[in-house]
Every structure is written in C-alpha cells, then in structure tokens.
Protein backbone atom coordinates (compact mmCIF):
# COMPACT_ATOMS: atom_id res chain seq x y z
CA MET A 1 17.16 -48.78 2.08
CA ASN A 2 20.20 -49.39 0.07
CA ILE A 3 22.00 -46.30 -1.45
CA ILE A 4 24.24 -46.04 -4.46
CA ASP A 5 26.55 -42.82 -3.94
CA LEU A 6 28.05 -41.40 -7.27
CA HIS A 7 30.66 -39.26 -5.71
CA CYS A 8 33.09 -38.80 -2.90
CA ASP A 9 36.78 -37.64 -2.55
CA ALA A 10 37.92 -40.35 -0.13
CA LEU A 11 40.90 -41.30 -2.30
CA LEU A 12 42.28 -37.68 -2.00
CA LYS A 13 42.12 -37.71 1.79
CA LEU A 14 43.84 -41.20 1.90
CA SER A 15 46.62 -39.95 -0.51
CA GLU A 16 47.19 -36.75 1.39
CA GLY A 17 47.20 -38.92 4.52
CA LYS A 18 50.33 -41.02 3.19
CA GLY A 19 49.29 -44.15 4.60
CA LYS A 20 48.11 -42.92 7.98
CA LEU A 21 44.45 -43.21 7.52
CA ARG A 22 42.53 -46.38 7.88
CA PHE A 23 39.86 -46.64 5.24
CA ALA A 24 37.90 -48.99 7.59
CA ASP A 25 37.33 -46.42 10.32
CA ALA A 26 39.24 -43.37 10.22
CA PRO A 27 37.20 -40.57 11.58
CA GLU A 28 38.60 -38.03 9.26
CA LEU A 29 36.87 -40.04 6.42
CA GLU A 30 33.25 -39.15 5.97
CA THR A 31 32.81 -42.23 3.72
CA ASN A 32 34.85 -44.73 5.96
CA LYS A 33 33.75 -48.34 5.78
CA ALA A 34 31.94 -48.28 9.17
CA ARG A 35 29.95 -45.19 8.07
CA LEU A 36 29.01 -46.78 4.86
CA GLN A 37 27.79 -49.81 6.30
CA GLN A 38 25.99 -47.71 9.09
CA GLY A 39 24.30 -45.68 6.28
CA LYS A 40 23.31 -48.71 4.20
CA ILE A 41 25.57 -47.60 1.29
CA LYS A 42 25.53 -50.49 -1.10
CA ALA A 43 27.79 -49.06 -3.67
CA GLN A 44 30.30 -45.94 -3.40
CA CYS A 45 31.88 -44.22 -6.24
CA PHE A 46 35.60 -43.06 -5.47
CA ALA A 47 36.80 -40.09 -7.49
CA ILE A 48 40.29 -39.65 -8.61
CA PHE A 49 40.72 -35.95 -8.39
CA ILE A 50 44.14 -34.27 -9.01
CA GLU A 51 44.68 -30.65 -7.25
CA PRO A 52 45.10 -28.03 -10.25
CA ASP A 53 48.30 -26.73 -8.38
CA ILE A 54 50.19 -30.05 -8.94
CA PRO A 55 52.91 -29.66 -11.91
CA SER A 56 51.82 -31.23 -15.03
CA ASP A 57 54.43 -33.84 -15.38
CA ARG A 58 53.48 -35.29 -12.13
CA LYS A 59 49.54 -35.31 -12.40
CA PHE A 60 49.05 -38.93 -13.87
CA GLN A 61 51.63 -40.30 -11.18
CA ALA A 62 49.22 -38.39 -8.60
CA ALA A 63 46.26 -40.26 -10.18
CA LEU A 64 47.95 -43.68 -10.19
CA GLU A 65 48.84 -43.00 -6.45
CA GLN A 66 45.17 -42.57 -5.64
CA VAL A 67 44.41 -45.80 -7.60
CA ASP A 68 46.92 -47.49 -5.54
CA TYR A 69 45.04 -46.43 -2.31
CA PHE A 70 42.03 -47.77 -3.63
CA TYR A 71 43.42 -51.15 -4.57
CA LYS A 72 45.74 -51.26 -1.34
CA GLU A 73 43.60 -49.48 1.26
CA VAL A 74 40.03 -49.58 0.36
CA LEU A 75 39.78 -53.14 -1.32
CA GLY A 76 43.03 -54.72 0.06
CA GLU A 77 42.48 -54.24 3.66
CA ASN A 78 38.57 -54.61 3.46
CA PRO A 79 37.24 -57.92 1.86
CA ASP A 80 33.71 -57.00 2.18
CA MET A 81 34.65 -53.85 -0.44
CA VAL A 82 34.20 -55.31 -3.73
CA HIS A 83 35.47 -53.74 -6.83
CA ILE A 84 32.99 -52.69 -9.51
CA LYS A 85 34.65 -53.02 -12.77
CA ASN A 86 31.79 -53.82 -15.13
CA TRP A 87 28.19 -52.49 -14.99
CA ALA A 88 26.74 -56.14 -14.27
CA ASP A 89 28.99 -56.38 -11.17
CA PHE A 90 26.41 -54.20 -9.20
CA ASP A 91 23.93 -57.25 -9.49
CA GLN A 92 26.33 -59.65 -8.17
CA LEU A 93 26.74 -57.95 -4.89
CA LYS A 94 26.01 -60.06 -1.67
CA ILE A 95 24.56 -58.98 1.55
CA GLY A 96 27.16 -57.54 3.60
CA GLN A 97 29.27 -56.37 0.57
CA ILE A 98 29.66 -52.72 -0.60
CA GLY A 99 30.59 -52.13 -4.03
CA ALA A 100 33.36 -49.70 -5.01
CA MET A 101 33.69 -47.98 -8.27
CA LEU A 102 36.52 -45.65 -9.64
CA THR A 103 35.71 -42.30 -11.32
CA LEU A 104 37.93 -39.55 -12.90
CA GLU A 105 37.06 -36.02 -11.91
CA GLY A 106 38.70 -34.09 -14.54
CA VAL A 107 41.11 -35.20 -17.20
CA ASP A 108 44.17 -33.08 -16.26
CA ALA A 109 46.07 -36.08 -15.08
CA ILE A 110 46.32 -37.49 -18.81
CA GLY A 111 47.49 -34.45 -20.45
CA ASN A 112 46.77 -35.10 -24.05
CA ASP A 113 47.47 -38.81 -24.14
CA LEU A 114 44.53 -41.07 -24.67
CA MET A 115 46.53 -44.07 -23.77
CA LYS A 116 46.68 -42.86 -20.16
CA LEU A 117 42.97 -42.83 -20.30
CA ARG A 118 42.47 -46.20 -21.66
CA THR A 119 44.96 -47.40 -18.88
CA LEU A 120 42.38 -45.75 -16.25
CA PHE A 121 39.77 -47.73 -18.00
CA ARG A 122 41.65 -50.83 -17.65
CA LEU A 123 42.12 -50.23 -13.82
CA GLY A 124 38.54 -49.72 -13.55
CA VAL A 125 37.22 -45.95 -14.08
CA ARG A 126 33.90 -46.13 -15.35
CA SER A 127 32.84 -42.45 -15.26
CA VAL A 128 34.91 -39.44 -16.44
CA GLY A 129 34.43 -35.80 -16.05
CA LEU A 130 36.10 -33.66 -18.37
CA THR A 131 36.99 -30.84 -15.96
CA TRP A 132 37.03 -29.95 -12.51
CA ASN A 133 36.24 -26.12 -12.30
CA ASN A 134 39.30 -25.02 -14.19
CA ALA A 135 40.26 -25.20 -17.91
CA ASN A 136 42.21 -27.95 -19.48
CA LEU A 137 43.11 -29.48 -22.81
CA ALA A 138 39.52 -30.90 -23.11
CA ALA A 139 37.13 -28.05 -21.97
CA ASP A 140 36.41 -25.08 -19.87
CA GLY A 141 35.10 -26.02 -16.27
CA ALA A 142 32.34 -24.17 -14.46
CA GLY A 143 35.08 -21.72 -12.75
CA GLU A 144 36.66 -20.65 -16.16
CA PRO A 145 35.41 -17.20 -17.14
CA ARG A 146 36.21 -17.89 -20.69
CA GLY A 147 33.39 -20.32 -20.77
CA ALA A 148 34.40 -22.24 -24.13
CA GLY A 149 32.92 -25.59 -25.15
CA LEU A 150 34.98 -28.89 -26.00
CA THR A 151 38.19 -28.92 -27.70
CA LEU A 152 38.66 -31.51 -30.51
CA PHE A 153 40.64 -33.45 -27.82
CA GLY A 154 37.53 -33.37 -25.39
CA LYS A 155 35.38 -34.70 -28.34
CA GLU A 156 37.69 -37.57 -28.70
CA ILE A 157 37.28 -38.33 -24.85
CA VAL A 158 33.69 -38.25 -25.08
CA GLN A 159 33.85 -40.68 -28.16
CA LEU A 160 36.06 -42.94 -26.36
CA ASN A 161 33.98 -42.95 -23.38
CA ASN A 162 31.07 -43.87 -25.58
CA GLU A 163 33.12 -46.75 -27.19
CA ASN A 164 33.82 -48.27 -23.59
CA GLN A 165 30.41 -47.71 -22.17
CA VAL A 166 31.89 -45.16 -19.64
CA LEU A 167 29.65 -42.21 -18.43
CA THR A 168 30.57 -38.94 -19.34
CA ASP A 169 30.10 -36.72 -16.18
CA VAL A 170 28.98 -33.09 -16.90
CA SER A 171 29.00 -31.73 -13.08
CA HIS A 172 31.98 -29.57 -13.33
CA LEU A 173 31.58 -28.27 -17.06
CA CYS A 174 30.88 -24.58 -18.15
CA GLU A 175 27.47 -24.35 -19.71
CA LYS A 176 28.84 -24.31 -23.37
CA ALA A 177 30.75 -27.32 -22.81
CA PHE A 178 27.82 -28.97 -21.46
CA TRP A 179 25.63 -28.71 -24.45
CA ASP A 180 28.78 -29.98 -26.46
CA VAL A 181 28.75 -33.11 -24.50
CA MET A 182 24.95 -33.57 -24.78
CA GLU A 183 25.52 -33.46 -28.72
CA LEU A 184 28.06 -36.34 -28.27
CA ALA A 185 27.77 -38.47 -25.29
CA ASP A 186 25.73 -41.69 -25.19
CA TYR A 187 25.82 -42.00 -21.40
CA PRO A 188 25.73 -38.45 -20.10
CA ILE A 189 25.38 -38.08 -16.05
CA ALA A 190 25.76 -35.25 -13.55
CA SER A 191 27.41 -37.18 -10.56
CA HIS A 192 26.82 -34.28 -8.04
CA SER A 193 24.68 -31.07 -9.09
CA ASN A 194 21.78 -29.62 -7.89
CA ALA A 195 19.27 -27.08 -9.57
CA LYS A 196 20.34 -23.60 -10.53
CA SER A 197 16.90 -22.05 -10.19
CA LEU A 198 16.79 -22.59 -6.66
CA CYS A 199 20.49 -21.79 -5.90
CA ASN A 200 22.38 -19.73 -8.41
CA HIS A 201 25.77 -21.39 -8.34
CA PRO A 202 27.87 -22.01 -11.30
CA ARG A 203 28.12 -25.51 -10.36
CA ASN A 204 24.47 -26.16 -10.58
CA LEU A 205 22.40 -27.06 -13.57
CA THR A 206 19.86 -24.74 -15.43
CA ASP A 207 16.24 -26.06 -15.98
CA GLU A 208 17.18 -26.36 -19.63
CA GLN A 209 20.29 -28.37 -18.78
CA ALA A 210 18.14 -30.57 -16.56
CA ALA A 211 15.51 -31.18 -19.04
CA ALA A 212 18.02 -32.04 -21.80
CA MET A 213 19.52 -34.58 -19.35
CA PHE A 214 16.27 -36.40 -18.79
CA GLN A 215 15.31 -36.21 -22.38
CA LYS A 216 18.36 -37.90 -23.15
CA GLY A 217 18.28 -40.64 -20.61
CA GLY A 218 20.81 -39.07 -18.27
CA LEU A 219 20.70 -38.97 -14.60
CA ILE A 220 21.26 -36.03 -12.17
CA HIS A 221 22.59 -37.03 -8.64
CA VAL A 222 21.86 -34.33 -6.26
CA VAL A 223 24.93 -33.14 -4.00
CA TYR A 224 24.83 -32.69 -0.13
CA ASN A 225 27.07 -29.30 -0.26
CA PRO A 226 25.27 -26.51 1.37
CA PRO A 227 26.57 -23.69 -0.84
CA PHE A 228 24.89 -25.79 -3.75
CA ILE A 229 21.80 -26.15 -2.00
CA ASN A 230 21.01 -22.53 -0.45
CA GLU A 231 22.79 -19.23 -1.27
CA SER A 232 23.22 -18.43 2.30
CA GLY A 233 25.32 -21.56 2.81
CA ASP A 234 23.17 -23.14 5.39
CA ALA A 235 21.27 -26.19 4.73
CA HIS A 236 18.82 -28.71 6.30
CA ILE A 237 17.59 -32.09 4.53
CA SER A 238 14.45 -30.43 3.72
CA ASP A 239 16.29 -27.89 1.71
CA LEU A 240 18.09 -30.71 -0.24
CA ILE A 241 14.66 -32.34 -0.89
CA LYS A 242 13.52 -29.00 -2.53
CA HIS A 243 16.21 -29.83 -5.22
CA ILE A 244 14.85 -33.36 -5.89
CA ASP A 245 11.05 -31.89 -6.05
CA HIS A 246 12.30 -29.46 -8.45
CA PHE A 247 13.98 -32.03 -10.84
CA CYS A 248 10.84 -34.08 -10.63
CA SER A 249 8.64 -31.19 -11.55
CA LEU A 250 10.93 -31.14 -14.74
CA GLY A 251 10.25 -34.79 -15.71
CA GLY A 252 13.04 -36.54 -13.76
CA VAL A 253 11.47 -38.55 -11.12
CA LYS A 254 13.05 -41.72 -12.69
CA GLN A 255 16.40 -40.09 -13.28
CA ILE A 256 17.40 -38.47 -9.75
CA GLY A 257 20.09 -40.00 -7.77
CA LEU A 258 22.58 -39.13 -4.82
CA GLY A 259 26.12 -37.90 -5.13
CA SER A 260 27.27 -36.88 -1.55
CA ASP A 261 30.49 -35.25 -2.33
CA PHE A 262 31.65 -36.35 0.89
CA ASP A 263 35.20 -35.97 1.88
CA GLY A 264 35.45 -33.13 -0.69
CA ILE A 265 33.05 -30.83 1.08
CA SER A 266 33.86 -28.50 4.11
CA GLN A 267 30.18 -27.47 5.12
CA PHE A 268 27.52 -30.06 5.80
CA ILE A 269 23.81 -30.53 5.76
CA ILE A 270 22.35 -30.65 9.41
CA ASP A 271 21.89 -34.22 10.26
CA LEU A 272 23.64 -35.50 7.26
CA GLU A 273 27.46 -34.85 8.08
CA ASN A 274 28.75 -38.15 6.92
CA ALA A 275 27.68 -41.28 5.32
CA ALA A 276 26.49 -42.78 8.43
CA LYS A 277 23.73 -40.46 8.59
CA SER A 278 22.49 -41.29 4.97
CA GLN A 279 19.22 -42.89 6.16
CA ASN A 280 18.21 -39.50 7.59
CA LEU A 281 17.73 -38.32 4.09
CA ILE A 282 15.89 -41.50 3.26
CA ASN A 283 13.53 -41.10 6.14
CA GLU A 284 12.82 -37.60 5.40
CA LEU A 285 12.18 -38.56 1.60
CA LEU A 286 9.46 -41.35 2.60
CA LYS A 287 7.49 -38.47 4.06
CA HIS A 288 7.32 -36.89 0.54
CA TYR A 289 7.39 -39.57 -2.11
CA SER A 290 6.32 -43.36 -2.31
CA GLU A 291 8.62 -46.16 -1.30
CA GLU A 292 9.31 -47.04 -5.19
CA GLU A 293 9.96 -43.42 -5.81
CA VAL A 294 12.61 -43.23 -2.94
CA SER A 295 13.99 -46.43 -3.81
CA GLY A 296 14.67 -44.84 -7.10
CA PHE A 297 16.48 -41.77 -5.88
CA ALA A 298 18.61 -44.29 -3.59
CA SER A 299 19.79 -46.67 -6.21
CA GLN A 300 17.21 -47.98 -8.63
CA ASN A 301 17.23 -45.04 -11.06
CA PHE A 302 20.92 -45.48 -11.36
CA LEU A 303 20.66 -49.25 -12.07
CA ASP A 304 17.85 -48.77 -14.66
CA HIS A 305 19.99 -46.26 -16.52
CA ARG A 306 23.40 -47.44 -16.46
CA PRO A 307 25.10 -48.47 -19.61
CA GLY A 308 23.81 -51.73 -20.92
CA ALA A 309 20.59 -51.67 -18.71
CA VAL A 310 17.33 -52.99 -20.30
CA ARG A 311 14.61 -50.45 -19.87
C-alpha cells in the first residue's frame, strides 16, 4: 500500500555528510531511495531544519545548502525522484516514481525577512512549521518554558502561508502558539505528533488540540519516535497503533496520516527502524482497520485534505 510520509530529516544528514552520502543507497540514511522503494513510499517530505546553535547570520545560507542537496543529490542523481512543487503534482506521479516535497521545520533561517520565506516558497517549500522546540521571532516552541503565543511576525507568516496555499505545521509549537495558529491558519497540519493523553510529552497534542485540528479540517500525522509513543521510551508497532486508535476515537479517522521523523530520531520502533520496513506498519493496521481506512492513513487522507482538494 502506497505511503505519503510527511516528515524526515534526510537533508540535515546529507548536509552534515558534506557530499559523502549517496541518497540512492547510503546506509546512514533511514530514508534513502532504496529504502523508500522497498517500503512503498510514494511521496516523501524532506524537512529543512537548521540547528539552533548555528549563528543567526549563517542560518539562511545553511537552509539554502540543504535545498541544494535536495536538488543536487535527491533529485539530480535520481531521475525517479520527482519534485512535488504544486499540490496537483501528487496526482501526476507514475509507477516507479517517488514524489519529493520540501518543508520548513522552524523559521529561524529567515530571521525577520519575509522575502527569504517567499524565496523558499519559490524553491518548493509547501509546509512551514513556525518553530522547532526553541523560541524564535515568530513564536515559542514546545521546549520554551515561557510558552508564549505567536508574535505579530508569526501571524504575518501564517497569513503568507494562507495566501500561497502552504500548510502551517503545528507539531513543534507550544500550546498557546498552537491556539493562535488555529485562529488564523487556513491549512493547519501536524506533520509528526502523537497523543498527549497516551504519552505525556511536550511534543504531543492534547485531546482538545486534536479535536480542534479535526474540526478545522487539519491532519495529524503520527510520529515513529518511541519517546513520543511511550513514556518508557520503548515501542512496538502496536503501541503506535494505540495513538491512531485514540485519534480515531476523537473523530479523526479521515484525518490521520504518517510522519515518520526518520533521520531525525535516535530510537526506533521495533520492526519499524527505517523506511524499508514501512509495510510492517501497514500490515498491522490491516488487522485492526478496513483496507479503505488504512489506505486513508497511508496516503489518501492527506490527498483528500491537501490545499485545493475537492471534498
């Protein structure tokens, strides 16, 4: 069953590898092309993520370097990787092709300059998370004790996302910033988050947050990171399915997707350690849900709720 995965950090690893990693088959990459093919990943979203300790005057350059690896190494060396630039491009993928879409995880790289964000849109970014775990000029992240909402600049970013049919990703926001986004965003999404009532982690969503997402037509993509699944830090596929079960109980059966966070995590679900093993999750889901429902979780829910989709 084909999968659309909303989040991985392969670009960060490619950038840190300084040209020594081949996207086609580097074993260091949990989402290398060979593993995507084996796991039947039909489209993979590639996050641009800038480490917080990079000096502010170098962050946009670092973002552009990751975009360059996307164009040069992911797309340029692999003709069967197809750039998703527009929402309709998902429908044009042929058998044997894998879609590749850029996302932005935290707007630290743009400083206070919306021109830089518009530039990233032109390069193909179609989803923007305002923060990682830290605070920045747009909002406070899930790891910032202050827990403040969006700044005026953050609200401008959400409006710019709306105008360009770009998703606004809530996965790393503190709770107050989340609610500010919900008031403003036309296209909210959680690219990689689980249920806080099952695992009390700052990165997870409360039932109230999840219900608000579903009510507004947003999607929640469950994440494969064990510390976000069980407070013990260990996880089996059945434990991840409990989060899907819980979101379904809140009315989200048509609005749940997958966001692995591969290449950005250091612990793994047993039998789901890289993209090649993705069908293990699908096979377990088919024991609990109908084929139509599992197809929804895998890709169709996202396709049905992407900007411009007719529902």
